[in-house]
Amino acid sequence: MSLKIPYNLSVKVADFPESSSGVNQVTLILIDGRKISEVYLARGKEIVEIHNKSISSMRDLGFSLFEIKDVISEV
C-alpha cells in the first residue's frame, strides 16, 4: 500500500531540499493542529518513516492521510 501525502503538498515538497538522496525530512501539520515531526518522504510524496520507525501501512501512521493539511521542511 502506498502512503502518499496529498498531491498539492507533494508539489510543495518538490521545492524543499533533500535530507539525503531522494528523501525529504518534514513536519506534517494535521487538520486538528497536531504536528508530526521527523517524517521522511521518499521522492517527496510517500511516507516511509516517522521518528525512526518504518511505516508500511495505515495502521503504522496513527492518523489518516486525509488529515494532513500542510508540510514544513526540516532541512
C-alpha atoms as a PDB file:
ATOM      1  CA  MET A   1       0.000   0.000   0.000  1.00  0.00           C
ATOM      2  CA  SER A   2       1.274   3.412  -0.944  1.00  0.00           C
ATOM      3  CA  LEU A   3       1.161   6.044   1.794  1.00  0.00           C
ATOM      4  CA  LYS A   4       1.288   9.177  -0.337  1.00  0.00           C
ATOM      5  CA  ILE A   5       0.642  12.641   1.026  1.00  0.00           C
ATOM      6  CA  PRO A   6      -1.959  14.740  -0.830  1.00  0.00           C
ATOM      7  CA  TYR A   7      -0.826  15.745  -4.326  1.00  0.00           C
ATOM      8  CA  ASN A   8      -0.900  19.517  -3.661  1.00  0.00           C
ATOM      9  CA  LEU A   9       1.507  19.004  -0.746  1.00  0.00           C
ATOM     10  CA  SER A  10       3.859  16.780  -2.744  1.00  0.00           C
ATOM     11  CA  VAL A  11       4.134  19.644  -5.251  1.00  0.00           C
ATOM     12  CA  LYS A  12       5.173  21.908  -2.342  1.00  0.00           C
ATOM     13  CA  VAL A  13       7.704  19.331  -1.093  1.00  0.00           C
ATOM     14  CA  ALA A  14       9.293  19.217  -4.568  1.00  0.00           C
ATOM     15  CA  ASP A  15      10.771  22.657  -3.773  1.00  0.00           C
ATOM     16  CA  PHE A  16      12.240  21.506  -0.423  1.00  0.00           C
ATOM     17  CA  PRO A  17      15.906  20.489  -0.082  1.00  0.00           C
ATOM     18  CA  GLU A  18      16.577  16.770   0.313  1.00  0.00           C
ATOM     19  CA  SER A  19      17.876  15.436   3.628  1.00  0.00           C
ATOM     20  CA  SER A  20      19.501  12.566   1.715  1.00  0.00           C
ATOM     21  CA  SER A  21      19.297  11.292  -1.839  1.00  0.00           C
ATOM     22  CA  GLY A  22      15.622  11.166  -2.853  1.00  0.00           C
ATOM     23  CA  VAL A  23      14.369  11.761   0.703  1.00  0.00           C
ATOM     24  CA  ASN A  24      12.801  14.829   2.324  1.00  0.00           C
ATOM     25  CA  GLN A  25      12.548  15.303   6.088  1.00  0.00           C
ATOM     26  CA  VAL A  26       9.388  17.206   7.006  1.00  0.00           C
ATOM     27  CA  THR A  27       6.918  18.041   9.732  1.00  0.00           C
ATOM     28  CA  LEU A  28       3.305  17.239   8.889  1.00  0.00           C
ATOM     29  CA  ILE A  29       0.606  19.628  10.091  1.00  0.00           C
ATOM     30  CA  LEU A  30      -2.733  17.892  10.647  1.00  0.00           C
ATOM     31  CA  ILE A  31      -6.166  19.497  10.454  1.00  0.00           C
ATOM     32  CA  ASP A  32      -6.590  19.214  14.245  1.00  0.00           C
ATOM     33  CA  GLY A  33      -3.363  21.204  14.781  1.00  0.00           C
ATOM     34  CA  ARG A  34      -1.092  18.287  15.672  1.00  0.00           C
ATOM     35  CA  LYS A  35       2.441  18.453  14.310  1.00  0.00           C
ATOM     36  CA  ILE A  36       4.165  15.212  13.380  1.00  0.00           C
ATOM     37  CA  SER A  37       7.917  15.800  13.101  1.00  0.00           C
ATOM     38  CA  GLU A  38      10.750  13.670  11.761  1.00  0.00           C
ATOM     39  CA  VAL A  39       8.674  12.382   8.851  1.00  0.00           C
ATOM     40  CA  TYR A  40      10.682  11.035   5.918  1.00  0.00           C
ATOM     41  CA  LEU A  41       9.185  11.153   2.441  1.00  0.00           C
ATOM     42  CA  ALA A  42      10.538   9.097  -0.447  1.00  0.00           C
ATOM     43  CA  ARG A  43      10.515  11.001  -3.745  1.00  0.00           C
ATOM     44  CA  GLY A  44       8.763  13.878  -1.970  1.00  0.00           C
ATOM     45  CA  LYS A  45       5.453  12.100  -1.625  1.00  0.00           C
ATOM     46  CA  GLU A  46       5.461   8.716   0.118  1.00  0.00           C
ATOM     47  CA  ILE A  47       5.734   8.419   3.914  1.00  0.00           C
ATOM     48  CA  VAL A  48       8.375   5.795   4.663  1.00  0.00           C
ATOM     49  CA  GLU A  49       9.492   6.626   8.204  1.00  0.00           C
ATOM     50  CA  ILE A  50       8.352   8.619  11.249  1.00  0.00           C
ATOM     51  CA  HIS A  51      10.595   9.087  14.293  1.00  0.00           C
ATOM     52  CA  ASN A  52      12.994   6.376  13.064  1.00  0.00           C
ATOM     53  CA  LYS A  53      10.127   3.856  12.736  1.00  0.00           C
ATOM     54  CA  SER A  54       9.470   2.291   9.327  1.00  0.00           C
ATOM     55  CA  ILE A  55       5.966   2.905   8.026  1.00  0.00           C
ATOM     56  CA  SER A  56       4.416   0.244   5.828  1.00  0.00           C
ATOM     57  CA  SER A  57       0.659   0.504   6.446  1.00  0.00           C
ATOM     58  CA  MET A  58      -2.045   2.955   7.516  1.00  0.00           C
ATOM     59  CA  ARG A  59      -2.030   1.287  10.959  1.00  0.00           C
ATOM     60  CA  ASP A  60       1.567   2.434  11.454  1.00  0.00           C
ATOM     61  CA  LEU A  61       0.622   6.098  10.958  1.00  0.00           C
ATOM     62  CA  GLY A  62      -1.755   6.830  13.839  1.00  0.00           C
ATOM     63  CA  PHE A  63      -3.625   9.339  11.650  1.00  0.00           C
ATOM     64  CA  SER A  64      -5.323   9.409   8.261  1.00  0.00           C
ATOM     65  CA  LEU A  65      -3.623  10.718   5.141  1.00  0.00           C
ATOM     66  CA  PHE A  66      -6.721  12.894   4.652  1.00  0.00           C
ATOM     67  CA  GLU A  67      -5.886  14.710   7.916  1.00  0.00           C
ATOM     68  CA  ILE A  68      -2.662  16.189   6.513  1.00  0.00           C
ATOM     69  CA  LYS A  69      -3.170  19.927   5.989  1.00  0.00           C
ATOM     70  CA  ASP A  70       0.379  21.186   5.389  1.00  0.00           C
ATOM     71  CA  VAL A  71       4.073  20.258   5.362  1.00  0.00           C
ATOM     72  CA  ILE A  72       7.134  22.139   6.595  1.00  0.00           C
ATOM     73  CA  SER A  73      10.705  21.286   5.646  1.00  0.00           C
ATOM     74  CA  GLU A  74      13.022  20.286   8.498  1.00  0.00           C
ATOM     75  CA  VAL A  75      16.168  20.806   6.411  1.00  0.00           C
END
